[in-house]
């Protein structure tokens, strides 16, 4: 399992969610994406995105003004963004 870091510090809505979706499409099932954001709306947008993709947020943390998501790419996630099952 590989972990890819995605630095989205300074980007505003909707870019963090859009770039997270694109990055998830480029990693393999079982791999992880570590997303660093500073936009407060990312705390809402990224969990909603993950609900759509069928992937899983393993951890959410805050470090100062940063929100850090650790997301696992699931094998059941659909390429079109619709939840599986």
Protein backbone atom coordinates (compact mmCIF):
# COMPACT_ATOMS: atom_id res chain seq x y z
CA UNK A 1 0.00 0.00 0.00
CA UNK A 2 1.40 3.35 -1.05
CA UNK A 3 0.50 6.75 0.39
CA UNK A 4 0.46 9.80 -1.87
CA UNK A 5 0.51 13.28 -0.35
CA UNK A 6 -1.65 15.95 -1.96
CA UNK A 7 -0.82 19.52 -0.88
CA UNK A 8 -3.86 21.74 -1.44
CA UNK A 9 -2.86 24.43 1.05
CA UNK A 10 -4.14 27.85 0.00
CA UNK A 11 -6.70 26.56 -2.51
CA UNK A 12 -10.32 27.62 -2.08
CA UNK A 13 -13.59 25.80 -2.73
CA UNK A 14 -14.25 23.97 -5.01
CA UNK A 15 -10.61 23.21 -5.92
CA UNK A 16 -9.72 20.98 -2.92
CA UNK A 17 -12.61 18.60 -3.65
CA UNK A 18 -12.01 18.63 -7.41
CA UNK A 19 -8.29 17.95 -7.08
CA UNK A 20 -8.93 15.24 -4.48
CA UNK A 21 -11.36 13.50 -6.85
CA UNK A 22 -8.80 13.64 -9.67
CA UNK A 23 -6.00 12.33 -7.43
CA UNK A 24 -8.17 9.43 -6.22
CA UNK A 25 -8.65 8.40 -9.84
CA UNK A 26 -4.90 8.05 -10.20
CA UNK A 27 -4.22 5.67 -7.31
CA UNK A 28 -4.81 1.95 -6.93
CA UNK A 29 -7.34 0.27 -4.61
CA UNK A 30 -5.80 -0.15 -1.17
CA UNK A 31 -3.51 2.87 -1.61
CA UNK A 32 -3.96 5.97 0.48
CA UNK A 33 -4.19 9.66 -0.29
CA UNK A 34 -3.07 12.14 2.37
CA UNK A 35 -4.76 15.46 1.61
CA UNK A 36 -3.63 18.73 3.25
CA UNK A 37 -6.09 21.66 3.00
CA UNK A 38 -6.55 25.07 4.59
CA UNK A 39 -10.01 25.89 3.20
CA UNK A 40 -12.53 25.45 6.06
CA UNK A 41 -15.15 24.24 3.56
CA UNK A 42 -12.95 21.23 2.79
CA UNK A 43 -14.07 19.80 6.16
CA UNK A 44 -17.53 19.47 4.56
CA UNK A 45 -16.72 19.03 0.87
CA UNK A 46 -14.17 16.22 1.09
CA UNK A 47 -16.25 13.93 3.35
CA UNK A 48 -19.19 14.50 0.97
CA UNK A 49 -16.96 13.63 -1.99
CA UNK A 50 -15.79 10.44 -0.28
CA UNK A 51 -19.43 9.53 0.39
CA UNK A 52 -20.02 9.77 -3.37
CA UNK A 53 -16.92 7.86 -4.48
CA UNK A 54 -17.26 4.94 -2.07
CA UNK A 55 -13.74 5.41 -0.72
CA UNK A 56 -13.04 5.68 3.02
CA UNK A 57 -11.66 8.42 5.25
CA UNK A 58 -9.35 6.64 7.69
CA UNK A 59 -8.46 9.73 9.68
CA UNK A 60 -9.10 13.46 9.84
CA UNK A 61 -6.74 15.68 11.82
CA UNK A 62 -6.08 19.37 12.33
CA UNK A 63 -2.66 20.97 12.51
CA UNK A 64 -3.04 24.70 13.04
CA UNK A 65 -5.09 25.95 10.09
CA UNK A 66 -4.55 22.71 8.15
CA UNK A 67 -7.09 19.94 7.79
CA UNK A 68 -5.45 16.62 6.97
CA UNK A 69 -7.45 13.73 5.55
CA UNK A 70 -6.11 10.20 5.16
CA UNK A 71 -8.26 8.52 2.51
CA UNK A 72 -8.16 4.87 1.49
CA UNK A 73 -8.99 4.08 -2.14
CA UNK A 74 -11.49 1.25 -2.12
CA UNK A 75 -11.75 -1.44 -4.78
CA UNK A 76 -15.53 -1.01 -4.83
CA UNK A 77 -15.29 2.70 -5.68
CA UNK A 78 -16.92 3.51 -9.00
CA UNK A 79 -15.08 5.52 -11.66
CA UNK A 80 -18.17 7.64 -12.35
CA UNK A 81 -18.34 8.84 -8.73
CA UNK A 82 -21.47 6.87 -7.83
CA UNK A 83 -21.36 4.83 -4.65
CA UNK A 84 -21.02 1.10 -5.09
CA UNK A 85 -23.84 -1.26 -4.23
